[in-house]
Every structure is written in structure tokens, then in C-alpha cells.
Amino acid sequence: MNDTIYLVDAYAHIYRGYHAIPLLSTKAGKPSNALLAIGKFLLSIKRDLKPEYGAFVFDKGPPSNRLKIFPEYKATRPPMPDELRVQIEPLRRMIKAFGWNLIEKEGAEADDIIATLACRFVDSKVDIISNDKDISQIIDDRITMLVTSTVQKGFEIRNIKAVEEKFAVQPSQVIDYLSLIGDASDNIQGLQGVGPKTAAKLLKEYGSLDNIIASVEQIPNESLREKIRKSSEILRKNVKLITLDKNIAIDGANIKENLLINIPDVNALVSIAEEYELKSLFSDFKNFSTEERVQDQFCF
């Protein structure tokens, strides 16, 4: 039995799939490329990981807490393309028909829900399927990430050692590291002129961002000293923006059995594949066993 809990950053993979496959559409003009991509993604997870517990976690609504701190948070992101937007509802149907639980909460970001769940089930191993570097902050001996590989098929495991190799900092320093270098995708401005190498060097020498700010007069580089002096409040604000909230209230999601992944609903999957004229998925879905009755899923 596979007791690992798998948490999938839903929109990250939906966007990735949408951009990975050129725009496809049915004869009637309904876009279908994201559906094809996620269908293949779901099949690969089932084949390679054989998950028994888990959920696809979605963002829902504006991230209210972070917008209070910084109204321009994520302001530079373009709106969802219309060709993707019309695929979201059938994508959710497909994921549910595959047996996965869908979890979301108004005003909460997927990363925070993932962090909450990962840190809640202290007796279970948790694998987070995401490429988001922010999540590296919660990696420990029990929590790891499965990152889509850019050099081979499948996933790369991001554990404590992999975080140290990739960022040259420990998981506990990732928040401070990202606060120093910023995150353009979230419109978080870092310390001007400070890149990954300088940030990692500072953290190796001083241990934390608080210590860097407190010890600013000891930093030999005059230009860097001045930047840190002038930007200390921005850096502290960045810490608040980047720190994941591990206390999101999610009714019913504190019971591991509610995260059981159901048997695929073959009829529903085949129907979606037929509706969107996805012949390869139709064949793959037909191969699922229908011997066991589909049970009721927990709804969040």
C-alpha cells in the first residue's frame, strides 16, 4: 500500500500543459489542448506513482491576505487566455473522474493550502507535485517535491539535499533567499543587483535575513551595505509575502481518509474524451478496469 499523500499544484500544471501543446480544438471549435495535456499527466501519475491518497489543489479568488500587504502582488501576470478559461470546467470534471479530490478555498492560494496539508499530516510522507520554488521552504525529512524534469521524462525529486544543491541554501533559508533575489512572477522586487550567488553567500555568512540587516555595518561592500540599509523594510515585507501560511482552515481535510483517491470513473472519462475528440485519451481511458464500483468522493 502506498501511504504517501500526493498534493498537486493544479493551475501550475494546467498552465504548463496548455503552453506545452499547440492549440487544439474540436470540429465545432472547442479548445482541447489543456485537456489533452492534463489527461496525459494524470495517466503518467497513475502509472508511475500509483497514488492512493492525494488532491489537486486550486487557487480560488484574489489572494486577499497578500494583497493587503502589497496591492501590486502578482499585478504583472496576464489574465488567463480565453482558450484556456473555457477548458477549466471540463478539466475539473476530468480530474474528479480520475478519482482525485479537488481542494480550494476562497481567497487562499494553492501553495498555502498545500503547505497547510503537508504540515498537518505529521505521520505521513508527503510528495508535492509542483515546480514552484516557494514550496521548497517546507521541505524536510518527510516532505519532498516532485518537480517536472527538463532533461528527462518524469519527475526530479527535490529533497533537502537537492534544495541545497540548487539554491546553495537550506530549506529553512529559502524564504530569506527569495526575499533577497525577488520573484518576478509574483511581482516581488528583490534587492537591486543581488542575484542568487550573492544572496546565498550572505545567508551562508550571516544565517538569516534578520542577521544580515542587524549586521549590515559589517558587510565589506559599501554599495551592498547601502542597498540593504535603504531596503530593509521592503525585504521584511517580502518575507511576509513569501512565507507560506500553514494554517488555512479547510473543513474535512484534516482526516487522511478523506484524501483517498477514488477508482476512475471510466464512463465519465470516456465521455469527456469523446466530447473533445481526444482519440488517444479515449483509448487510454477505455483500458481502465470497471470491475469495482466508483465510490462517493469527499467534497471540499
C-alpha atoms as a PDB file:
ATOM      1  CA  MET A   1       0.000   0.000   0.000  1.00  0.00           C
ATOM      2  CA  ASN A   2       1.243   3.487  -0.912  1.00  0.00           C
ATOM      3  CA  ASP A   3       0.605   5.689   2.158  1.00  0.00           C
ATOM      4  CA  THR A   4       2.252   8.772   0.658  1.00  0.00           C
ATOM      5  CA  ILE A   5      -0.008  11.815   0.245  1.00  0.00           C
ATOM      6  CA  TYR A   6       0.373  13.464  -3.175  1.00  0.00           C
ATOM      7  CA  LEU A   7      -0.557  17.150  -3.453  1.00  0.00           C
ATOM      8  CA  VAL A   8      -0.707  18.633  -6.945  1.00  0.00           C
ATOM      9  CA  ASP A   9      -0.393  22.342  -7.684  1.00  0.00           C
ATOM     10  CA  ALA A  10      -3.323  22.285 -10.109  1.00  0.00           C
ATOM     11  CA  TYR A  11      -3.138  25.550 -12.032  1.00  0.00           C
ATOM     12  CA  ALA A  12       0.642  25.379 -12.350  1.00  0.00           C
ATOM     13  CA  HIS A  13       0.316  22.107 -14.255  1.00  0.00           C
ATOM     14  CA  ILE A  14      -2.749  23.248 -16.193  1.00  0.00           C
ATOM     15  CA  TYR A  15      -0.871  26.308 -17.466  1.00  0.00           C
ATOM     16  CA  ARG A  16       2.204  24.218 -18.179  1.00  0.00           C
ATOM     17  CA  GLY A  17       0.139  21.733 -20.192  1.00  0.00           C
ATOM     18  CA  TYR A  18      -1.719  24.474 -22.038  1.00  0.00           C
ATOM     19  CA  HIS A  19       1.532  26.070 -23.207  1.00  0.00           C
ATOM     20  CA  ALA A  20       3.282  22.757 -23.922  1.00  0.00           C
ATOM     21  CA  ILE A  21       0.785  21.615 -26.552  1.00  0.00           C
ATOM     22  CA  PRO A  22      -0.174  23.827 -29.519  1.00  0.00           C
ATOM     23  CA  LEU A  23      -3.778  24.965 -29.507  1.00  0.00           C
ATOM     24  CA  LEU A  24      -6.118  22.116 -30.468  1.00  0.00           C
ATOM     25  CA  SER A  25      -9.845  22.283 -30.978  1.00  0.00           C
ATOM     26  CA  THR A  26     -12.775  20.078 -31.891  1.00  0.00           C
ATOM     27  CA  LYS A  27     -14.560  20.284 -35.219  1.00  0.00           C
ATOM     28  CA  ALA A  28     -17.001  22.621 -33.519  1.00  0.00           C
ATOM     29  CA  GLY A  29     -14.142  24.872 -32.405  1.00  0.00           C
ATOM     30  CA  LYS A  30     -13.912  23.969 -28.699  1.00  0.00           C
ATOM     31  CA  PRO A  31     -10.286  24.258 -27.435  1.00  0.00           C
ATOM     32  CA  SER A  32      -8.864  20.999 -26.084  1.00  0.00           C
ATOM     33  CA  ASN A  33      -5.067  21.204 -25.791  1.00  0.00           C
ATOM     34  CA  ALA A  34      -5.011  21.619 -21.980  1.00  0.00           C
ATOM     35  CA  LEU A  35      -7.403  18.689 -21.634  1.00  0.00           C
ATOM     36  CA  LEU A  36      -5.073  16.501 -23.666  1.00  0.00           C
ATOM     37  CA  ALA A  37      -2.059  17.607 -21.638  1.00  0.00           C
ATOM     38  CA  ILE A  38      -3.690  17.047 -18.249  1.00  0.00           C
ATOM     39  CA  GLY A  39      -5.170  13.738 -19.386  1.00  0.00           C
ATOM     40  CA  LYS A  40      -1.664  12.523 -20.233  1.00  0.00           C
ATOM     41  CA  PHE A  41      -0.351  13.982 -16.980  1.00  0.00           C
ATOM     42  CA  LEU A  42      -2.994  12.121 -14.949  1.00  0.00           C
ATOM     43  CA  LEU A  43      -2.193   8.890 -16.755  1.00  0.00           C
ATOM     44  CA  SER A  44       1.524   9.285 -16.053  1.00  0.00           C
ATOM     45  CA  ILE A  45       0.916   9.926 -12.342  1.00  0.00           C
ATOM     46  CA  LYS A  46      -1.299   6.862 -12.104  1.00  0.00           C
ATOM     47  CA  ARG A  47       1.223   4.704 -13.946  1.00  0.00           C
ATOM     48  CA  ASP A  48       4.427   5.928 -12.301  1.00  0.00           C
ATOM     49  CA  LEU A  49       3.369   6.829  -8.756  1.00  0.00           C
ATOM     50  CA  LYS A  50       0.316   4.626  -8.145  1.00  0.00           C
ATOM     51  CA  PRO A  51      -1.085   7.150  -5.643  1.00  0.00           C
ATOM     52  CA  GLU A  52      -3.714   6.171  -3.084  1.00  0.00           C
ATOM     53  CA  TYR A  53      -4.023   9.474  -1.198  1.00  0.00           C
ATOM     54  CA  GLY A  54      -3.955  12.976  -2.565  1.00  0.00           C
ATOM     55  CA  ALA A  55      -5.610  16.027  -4.057  1.00  0.00           C
ATOM     56  CA  PHE A  56      -5.365  18.588  -6.823  1.00  0.00           C
ATOM     57  CA  VAL A  57      -5.190  21.958  -5.076  1.00  0.00           C
ATOM     58  CA  PHE A  58      -6.579  25.070  -6.792  1.00  0.00           C
ATOM     59  CA  ASP A  59      -6.262  28.812  -6.227  1.00  0.00           C
ATOM     60  CA  LYS A  60      -9.641  30.479  -5.766  1.00  0.00           C
ATOM     61  CA  GLY A  61     -10.221  34.205  -5.942  1.00  0.00           C
ATOM     62  CA  PRO A  62      -7.759  37.032  -5.218  1.00  0.00           C
ATOM     63  CA  PRO A  63      -5.117  36.240  -2.545  1.00  0.00           C
ATOM     64  CA  SER A  64      -6.640  38.622  -0.002  1.00  0.00           C
ATOM     65  CA  ASN A  65      -4.003  38.414   2.756  1.00  0.00           C
ATOM     66  CA  ARG A  66      -1.061  39.137   0.470  1.00  0.00           C
ATOM     67  CA  LEU A  67      -2.920  41.899  -1.375  1.00  0.00           C
ATOM     68  CA  LYS A  68      -3.372  43.659   1.977  1.00  0.00           C
ATOM     69  CA  ILE A  69       0.390  43.602   2.426  1.00  0.00           C
ATOM     70  CA  PHE A  70       1.206  44.530  -1.180  1.00  0.00           C
ATOM     71  CA  PRO A  71      -1.644  45.605  -3.515  1.00  0.00           C
ATOM     72  CA  GLU A  72       0.592  45.052  -6.560  1.00  0.00           C
ATOM     73  CA  TYR A  73       1.173  41.402  -5.698  1.00  0.00           C
ATOM     74  CA  LYS A  74       1.025  39.366  -8.951  1.00  0.00           C
ATOM     75  CA  ALA A  75      -0.182  42.508 -10.765  1.00  0.00           C
ATOM     76  CA  THR A  76       2.095  41.875 -13.737  1.00  0.00           C
ATOM     77  CA  ARG A  77       0.575  38.486 -14.560  1.00  0.00           C
ATOM     78  CA  PRO A  78      -1.513  38.448 -17.747  1.00  0.00           C
ATOM     79  CA  PRO A  79      -5.128  37.277 -17.499  1.00  0.00           C
ATOM     80  CA  MET A  80      -5.951  33.653 -18.253  1.00  0.00           C
ATOM     81  CA  PRO A  81      -6.279  33.132 -22.028  1.00  0.00           C
ATOM     82  CA  ASP A  82      -9.883  32.653 -23.150  1.00  0.00           C
ATOM     83  CA  GLU A  83      -8.879  29.407 -24.891  1.00  0.00           C
ATOM     84  CA  LEU A  84      -7.750  28.044 -21.518  1.00  0.00           C
ATOM     85  CA  ARG A  85     -10.580  29.522 -19.470  1.00  0.00           C
ATOM     86  CA  VAL A  86     -13.212  27.555 -21.383  1.00  0.00           C
ATOM     87  CA  GLN A  87     -11.320  24.332 -20.614  1.00  0.00           C
ATOM     88  CA  ILE A  88     -11.261  24.773 -16.824  1.00  0.00           C
ATOM     89  CA  GLU A  89     -14.694  23.278 -16.147  1.00  0.00           C
ATOM     90  CA  PRO A  90     -14.104  20.114 -18.224  1.00  0.00           C
ATOM     91  CA  LEU A  91     -10.591  19.885 -16.733  1.00  0.00           C
ATOM     92  CA  ARG A  92     -12.073  19.819 -13.243  1.00  0.00           C
ATOM     93  CA  ARG A  93     -14.545  17.149 -14.368  1.00  0.00           C
ATOM     94  CA  MET A  94     -11.702  15.080 -15.796  1.00  0.00           C
ATOM     95  CA  ILE A  95      -9.584  15.327 -12.640  1.00  0.00           C
ATOM     96  CA  LYS A  96     -12.550  14.324 -10.455  1.00  0.00           C
ATOM     97  CA  ALA A  97     -13.462  11.492 -12.818  1.00  0.00           C
ATOM     98  CA  PHE A  98      -9.891  10.269 -12.458  1.00  0.00           C
ATOM     99  CA  GLY A  99     -10.669   9.835  -8.774  1.00  0.00           C
ATOM    100  CA  TRP A 100      -8.743  12.789  -7.373  1.00  0.00           C
ATOM    101  CA  ASN A 101     -10.065  15.118  -4.689  1.00  0.00           C
ATOM    102  CA  LEU A 102     -10.245  18.818  -5.562  1.00  0.00           C
ATOM    103  CA  ILE A 103      -9.415  21.259  -2.758  1.00  0.00           C
ATOM    104  CA  GLU A 104      -9.747  25.038  -2.822  1.00  0.00           C
ATOM    105  CA  LYS A 105     -10.750  27.883  -0.526  1.00  0.00           C
ATOM    106  CA  GLU A 106     -11.892  31.395  -1.377  1.00  0.00           C
ATOM    107  CA  GLY A 107      -9.043  33.895  -1.030  1.00  0.00           C
ATOM    108  CA  ALA A 108      -6.391  31.221  -0.455  1.00  0.00           C
ATOM    109  CA  GLU A 109      -3.533  30.360  -2.777  1.00  0.00           C
ATOM    110  CA  ALA A 110      -2.812  26.753  -3.652  1.00  0.00           C
ATOM    111  CA  ASP A 111       0.693  26.960  -2.154  1.00  0.00           C
ATOM    112  CA  ASP A 112      -0.722  27.875   1.259  1.00  0.00           C
ATOM    113  CA  ILE A 113      -3.281  25.059   1.177  1.00  0.00           C
ATOM    114  CA  ILE A 114      -0.552  22.633   0.125  1.00  0.00           C
ATOM    115  CA  ALA A 115       1.693  23.829   2.966  1.00  0.00           C
ATOM    116  CA  THR A 116      -1.175  23.502   5.444  1.00  0.00           C
ATOM    117  CA  LEU A 117      -1.956  19.940   4.399  1.00  0.00           C
ATOM    118  CA  ALA A 118       1.685  18.872   4.127  1.00  0.00           C
ATOM    119  CA  CYS A 119       2.459  20.096   7.647  1.00  0.00           C
ATOM    120  CA  ARG A 120      -0.783  18.733   9.111  1.00  0.00           C
ATOM    121  CA  PHE A 121      -0.270  15.026   8.424  1.00  0.00           C
ATOM    122  CA  VAL A 122       2.841  14.626  10.537  1.00  0.00           C
ATOM    123  CA  ASP A 123       2.781  10.830  10.399  1.00  0.00           C
ATOM    124  CA  SER A 124       2.652  10.601   6.605  1.00  0.00           C
ATOM    125  CA  LYS A 125       5.157  11.144   3.837  1.00  0.00           C
ATOM    126  CA  VAL A 126       4.057  13.944   1.526  1.00  0.00           C
ATOM    127  CA  ASP A 127       5.115  14.461  -2.091  1.00  0.00           C
ATOM    128  CA  ILE A 128       4.204  17.836  -3.604  1.00  0.00           C
ATOM    129  CA  ILE A 129       3.929  17.813  -7.391  1.00  0.00           C
ATOM    130  CA  SER A 130       4.936  21.352  -8.275  1.00  0.00           C
ATOM    131  CA  ASN A 131       7.728  23.384  -9.832  1.00  0.00           C
ATOM    132  CA  ASP A 132       7.114  26.387  -7.555  1.00  0.00           C
ATOM    133  CA  LYS A 133      10.344  27.257  -5.781  1.00  0.00           C
ATOM    134  CA  ASP A 134       8.388  28.874  -2.891  1.00  0.00           C
ATOM    135  CA  ILE A 135       7.319  25.412  -1.723  1.00  0.00           C
ATOM    136  CA  SER A 136      10.972  24.491  -1.162  1.00  0.00           C
ATOM    137  CA  GLN A 137      10.700  26.331   2.182  1.00  0.00           C
ATOM    138  CA  ILE A 138       8.699  23.457   3.758  1.00  0.00           C
ATOM    139  CA  ILE A 139      10.855  20.572   2.545  1.00  0.00           C
ATOM    140  CA  ASP A 140      12.156  18.357   5.316  1.00  0.00           C
ATOM    141  CA  ASP A 141      12.809  14.671   6.004  1.00  0.00           C
ATOM    142  CA  ARG A 142       9.106  13.910   5.439  1.00  0.00           C
ATOM    143  CA  ILE A 143       8.037  16.460   2.810  1.00  0.00           C
ATOM    144  CA  THR A 144       9.577  16.418  -0.668  1.00  0.00           C
ATOM    145  CA  MET A 145       8.739  17.920  -4.047  1.00  0.00           C
ATOM    146  CA  LEU A 146       8.369  16.163  -7.385  1.00  0.00           C
ATOM    147  CA  VAL A 147       9.498  18.677  -9.996  1.00  0.00           C
ATOM    148  CA  THR A 148       8.875  18.208 -13.705  1.00  0.00           C
ATOM    149  CA  SER A 149      12.234  17.318 -15.212  1.00  0.00           C
ATOM    150  CA  THR A 150      13.609  19.444 -18.027  1.00  0.00           C
ATOM    151  CA  VAL A 151      16.174  16.837 -19.073  1.00  0.00           C
ATOM    152  CA  GLN A 152      14.312  13.545 -18.789  1.00  0.00           C
ATOM    153  CA  LYS A 153      10.821  12.116 -18.745  1.00  0.00           C
ATOM    154  CA  GLY A 154       9.051  12.216 -15.398  1.00  0.00           C
ATOM    155  CA  PHE A 155       9.935  13.965 -12.150  1.00  0.00           C
ATOM    156  CA  GLU A 156      13.058  15.005 -10.296  1.00  0.00           C
ATOM    157  CA  ILE A 157      12.969  14.622  -6.524  1.00  0.00           C
ATOM    158  CA  ARG A 158      13.629  17.854  -4.638  1.00  0.00           C
ATOM    159  CA  ASN A 159      14.596  16.912  -1.089  1.00  0.00           C
ATOM    160  CA  ILE A 160      16.786  18.706   1.448  1.00  0.00           C
ATOM    161  CA  LYS A 161      19.971  17.817  -0.421  1.00  0.00           C
ATOM    162  CA  ALA A 162      18.505  18.899  -3.776  1.00  0.00           C
ATOM    163  CA  VAL A 163      17.436  22.275  -2.327  1.00  0.00           C
ATOM    164  CA  GLU A 164      20.966  22.862  -1.041  1.00  0.00           C
ATOM    165  CA  GLU A 165      22.418  21.882  -4.423  1.00  0.00           C
ATOM    166  CA  LYS A 166      20.019  24.057  -6.412  1.00  0.00           C
ATOM    167  CA  PHE A 167      19.909  27.212  -4.281  1.00  0.00           C
ATOM    168  CA  ALA A 168      23.038  26.830  -2.112  1.00  0.00           C
ATOM    169  CA  VAL A 169      20.877  27.413   0.978  1.00  0.00           C
ATOM    170  CA  GLN A 170      18.953  25.173   3.357  1.00  0.00           C
ATOM    171  CA  PRO A 171      15.149  24.841   3.096  1.00  0.00           C
ATOM    172  CA  SER A 172      14.810  26.938   6.268  1.00  0.00           C
ATOM    173  CA  GLN A 173      16.630  29.777   4.445  1.00  0.00           C
ATOM    174  CA  VAL A 174      14.565  29.687   1.245  1.00  0.00           C
ATOM    175  CA  ILE A 175      12.185  32.447   2.419  1.00  0.00           C
ATOM    176  CA  ASP A 176      15.085  34.815   3.113  1.00  0.00           C
ATOM    177  CA  TYR A 177      16.834  33.773  -0.098  1.00  0.00           C
ATOM    178  CA  LEU A 178      13.773  34.550  -2.239  1.00  0.00           C
ATOM    179  CA  SER A 179      13.174  37.776  -0.323  1.00  0.00           C
ATOM    180  CA  LEU A 180      16.660  38.929  -1.315  1.00  0.00           C
ATOM    181  CA  ILE A 181      16.504  37.989  -5.003  1.00  0.00           C
ATOM    182  CA  GLY A 182      12.783  38.676  -5.516  1.00  0.00           C
ATOM    183  CA  ASP A 183      10.288  36.816  -7.649  1.00  0.00           C
ATOM    184  CA  ALA A 184       9.320  38.462 -10.939  1.00  0.00           C
ATOM    185  CA  SER A 185       6.418  36.059 -11.500  1.00  0.00           C
ATOM    186  CA  ASP A 186       4.743  37.363  -8.318  1.00  0.00           C
ATOM    187  CA  ASN A 187       5.896  40.966  -8.869  1.00  0.00           C
ATOM    188  CA  ILE A 188       8.062  40.805  -5.748  1.00  0.00           C
ATOM    189  CA  GLN A 189      11.041  43.127  -6.036  1.00  0.00           C
ATOM    190  CA  GLY A 190      14.253  41.875  -4.503  1.00  0.00           C
ATOM    191  CA  LEU A 191      17.373  43.762  -3.548  1.00  0.00           C
ATOM    192  CA  GLN A 192      18.580  45.528  -6.685  1.00  0.00           C
ATOM    193  CA  GLY A 193      21.741  43.973  -8.068  1.00  0.00           C
ATOM    194  CA  VAL A 194      21.606  40.977  -5.721  1.00  0.00           C
ATOM    195  CA  GLY A 195      21.328  37.661  -7.527  1.00  0.00           C
ATOM    196  CA  PRO A 196      21.281  34.060  -6.350  1.00  0.00           C
ATOM    197  CA  LYS A 197      25.034  33.792  -5.701  1.00  0.00           C
ATOM    198  CA  THR A 198      25.229  36.937  -3.584  1.00  0.00           C
ATOM    199  CA  ALA A 199      22.058  36.041  -1.678  1.00  0.00           C
ATOM    200  CA  ALA A 200      23.354  32.542  -0.919  1.00  0.00           C
ATOM    201  CA  LYS A 201      26.742  33.928   0.148  1.00  0.00           C
ATOM    202  CA  LEU A 202      25.135  36.424   2.529  1.00  0.00           C
ATOM    203  CA  LEU A 203      22.937  33.746   4.084  1.00  0.00           C
ATOM    204  CA  LYS A 204      25.848  31.361   4.444  1.00  0.00           C
ATOM    205  CA  GLU A 205      27.821  34.033   6.281  1.00  0.00           C
ATOM    206  CA  TYR A 206      25.057  35.577   8.421  1.00  0.00           C
ATOM    207  CA  GLY A 207      22.495  32.774   8.649  1.00  0.00           C
ATOM    208  CA  SER A 208      19.299  34.763   8.151  1.00  0.00           C
ATOM    209  CA  LEU A 209      17.906  37.960   6.679  1.00  0.00           C
ATOM    210  CA  ASP A 210      17.342  39.383  10.168  1.00  0.00           C
ATOM    211  CA  ASN A 211      21.013  38.837  10.947  1.00  0.00           C
ATOM    212  CA  ILE A 212      22.050  40.401   7.645  1.00  0.00           C
ATOM    213  CA  ILE A 213      20.029  43.548   8.417  1.00  0.00           C
ATOM    214  CA  ALA A 214      21.270  43.645  12.015  1.00  0.00           C
ATOM    215  CA  SER A 215      24.898  43.199  10.909  1.00  0.00           C
ATOM    216  CA  VAL A 216      24.759  45.499   7.900  1.00  0.00           C
ATOM    217  CA  GLU A 217      27.686  47.620   9.101  1.00  0.00           C
ATOM    218  CA  GLN A 218      29.933  44.549   8.988  1.00  0.00           C
ATOM    219  CA  ILE A 219      29.347  43.934   5.275  1.00  0.00           C
ATOM    220  CA  PRO A 220      32.555  44.924   3.430  1.00  0.00           C
ATOM    221  CA  ASN A 221      30.921  46.012   0.168  1.00  0.00           C
ATOM    222  CA  GLU A 222      29.852  49.646   0.613  1.00  0.00           C
ATOM    223  CA  SER A 223      27.300  49.566  -2.198  1.00  0.00           C
ATOM    224  CA  LEU A 224      25.672  46.412  -0.826  1.00  0.00           C
ATOM    225  CA  ARG A 225      25.601  47.878   2.696  1.00  0.00           C
ATOM    226  CA  GLU A 226      23.744  50.927   1.424  1.00  0.00           C
ATOM    227  CA  LYS A 227      21.235  48.867  -0.544  1.00  0.00           C
ATOM    228  CA  ILE A 228      20.400  46.764   2.492  1.00  0.00           C
ATOM    229  CA  ARG A 229      20.031  49.872   4.700  1.00  0.00           C
ATOM    230  CA  LYS A 230      17.618  51.506   2.264  1.00  0.00           C
ATOM    231  CA  SER A 231      15.648  48.333   1.505  1.00  0.00           C
ATOM    232  CA  SER A 232      15.259  46.707   4.927  1.00  0.00           C
ATOM    233  CA  GLU A 233      11.512  47.403   5.091  1.00  0.00           C
ATOM    234  CA  ILE A 234      10.977  46.063   1.561  1.00  0.00           C
ATOM    235  CA  LEU A 235      12.904  42.922   2.477  1.00  0.00           C
ATOM    236  CA  ARG A 236      10.785  42.372   5.596  1.00  0.00           C
ATOM    237  CA  LYS A 237       7.653  42.848   3.508  1.00  0.00           C
ATOM    238  CA  ASN A 238       8.977  40.280   1.039  1.00  0.00           C
ATOM    239  CA  VAL A 239       9.346  37.782   3.887  1.00  0.00           C
ATOM    240  CA  LYS A 240       5.662  38.212   4.741  1.00  0.00           C
ATOM    241  CA  LEU A 241       4.657  37.742   1.093  1.00  0.00           C
ATOM    242  CA  ILE A 242       6.816  34.665   0.510  1.00  0.00           C
ATOM    243  CA  THR A 243       6.164  32.848   3.795  1.00  0.00           C
ATOM    244  CA  LEU A 244       3.537  30.180   3.213  1.00  0.00           C
ATOM    245  CA  ASP A 245       0.508  30.129   5.513  1.00  0.00           C
ATOM    246  CA  LYS A 246       0.321  26.718   7.177  1.00  0.00           C
ATOM    247  CA  ASN A 247      -2.941  27.434   8.995  1.00  0.00           C
ATOM    248  CA  ILE A 248      -5.583  27.598   6.268  1.00  0.00           C
ATOM    249  CA  ALA A 249      -8.916  26.339   7.581  1.00  0.00           C
ATOM    250  CA  ILE A 250     -10.102  23.534   5.288  1.00  0.00           C
ATOM    251  CA  ASP A 251     -13.167  21.744   6.559  1.00  0.00           C
ATOM    252  CA  GLY A 252     -12.858  17.970   6.476  1.00  0.00           C
ATOM    253  CA  ALA A 253      -9.327  17.919   5.103  1.00  0.00           C
ATOM    254  CA  ASN A 254      -7.789  17.079   8.463  1.00  0.00           C
ATOM    255  CA  ILE A 255      -8.718  13.410   8.060  1.00  0.00           C
ATOM    256  CA  LYS A 256      -6.384  11.394   5.886  1.00  0.00           C
ATOM    257  CA  GLU A 257      -9.125   9.012   4.769  1.00  0.00           C
ATOM    258  CA  ASN A 258     -10.879  11.962   3.145  1.00  0.00           C
ATOM    259  CA  LEU A 259      -7.877  12.218   0.815  1.00  0.00           C
ATOM    260  CA  LEU A 260      -8.318   8.708  -0.572  1.00  0.00           C
ATOM    261  CA  ILE A 261      -8.123   8.720  -4.354  1.00  0.00           C
ATOM    262  CA  ASN A 262     -11.129   7.054  -5.899  1.00  0.00           C
ATOM    263  CA  ILE A 263     -11.313   4.449  -8.633  1.00  0.00           C
ATOM    264  CA  PRO A 264     -11.505   6.225 -12.024  1.00  0.00           C
ATOM    265  CA  ASP A 265     -14.996   6.772 -13.385  1.00  0.00           C
ATOM    266  CA  VAL A 266     -14.328   5.235 -16.793  1.00  0.00           C
ATOM    267  CA  ASN A 267     -17.661   6.242 -18.309  1.00  0.00           C
ATOM    268  CA  ALA A 268     -17.170   9.888 -17.353  1.00  0.00           C
ATOM    269  CA  LEU A 269     -13.596   9.922 -18.683  1.00  0.00           C
ATOM    270  CA  VAL A 270     -14.569   8.316 -21.966  1.00  0.00           C
ATOM    271  CA  SER A 271     -17.423  10.807 -22.318  1.00  0.00           C
ATOM    272  CA  ILE A 272     -15.024  13.764 -21.891  1.00  0.00           C
ATOM    273  CA  ALA A 273     -12.580  12.263 -24.403  1.00  0.00           C
ATOM    274  CA  GLU A 274     -15.409  11.782 -26.894  1.00  0.00           C
ATOM    275  CA  GLU A 275     -16.817  15.271 -26.348  1.00  0.00           C
ATOM    276  CA  TYR A 276     -13.428  16.869 -27.029  1.00  0.00           C
ATOM    277  CA  GLU A 277     -12.404  14.433 -29.792  1.00  0.00           C
ATOM    278  CA  LEU A 278      -9.266  13.271 -27.992  1.00  0.00           C
ATOM    279  CA  LYS A 279      -8.736   9.900 -29.628  1.00  0.00           C
ATOM    280  CA  SER A 280      -5.560   8.924 -27.772  1.00  0.00           C
ATOM    281  CA  LEU A 281      -7.148   9.633 -24.396  1.00  0.00           C
ATOM    282  CA  PHE A 282     -10.277   7.750 -25.430  1.00  0.00           C
ATOM    283  CA  SER A 283      -8.181   4.623 -25.997  1.00  0.00           C
ATOM    284  CA  ASP A 284      -6.248   5.036 -22.746  1.00  0.00           C
ATOM    285  CA  PHE A 285      -9.376   5.617 -20.685  1.00  0.00           C
ATOM    286  CA  LYS A 286     -11.088   2.588 -22.182  1.00  0.00           C
ATOM    287  CA  ASN A 287      -8.304   0.415 -20.757  1.00  0.00           C
ATOM    288  CA  PHE A 288      -9.201   1.178 -17.139  1.00  0.00           C
ATOM    289  CA  SER A 289     -10.813  -1.627 -15.159  1.00  0.00           C
ATOM    290  CA  THR A 290     -14.514  -1.125 -14.482  1.00  0.00           C
ATOM    291  CA  GLU A 291     -14.862  -4.106 -12.159  1.00  0.00           C
ATOM    292  CA  GLU A 292     -15.030  -2.023  -8.973  1.00  0.00           C
ATOM    293  CA  ARG A 293     -17.880   0.397  -8.349  1.00  0.00           C
ATOM    294  CA  VAL A 294     -16.946   4.056  -8.082  1.00  0.00           C
ATOM    295  CA  GLN A 295     -17.388   5.232  -4.509  1.00  0.00           C
ATOM    296  CA  ASP A 296     -18.522   8.657  -3.312  1.00  0.00           C
ATOM    297  CA  GLN A 297     -15.741  11.230  -3.055  1.00  0.00           C
ATOM    298  CA  PHE A 298     -15.285  13.664  -0.229  1.00  0.00           C
ATOM    299  CA  CYS A 299     -16.152  17.198  -1.352  1.00  0.00           C
ATOM    300  CA  PHE A 300     -14.262  20.194  -0.023  1.00  0.00           C
END
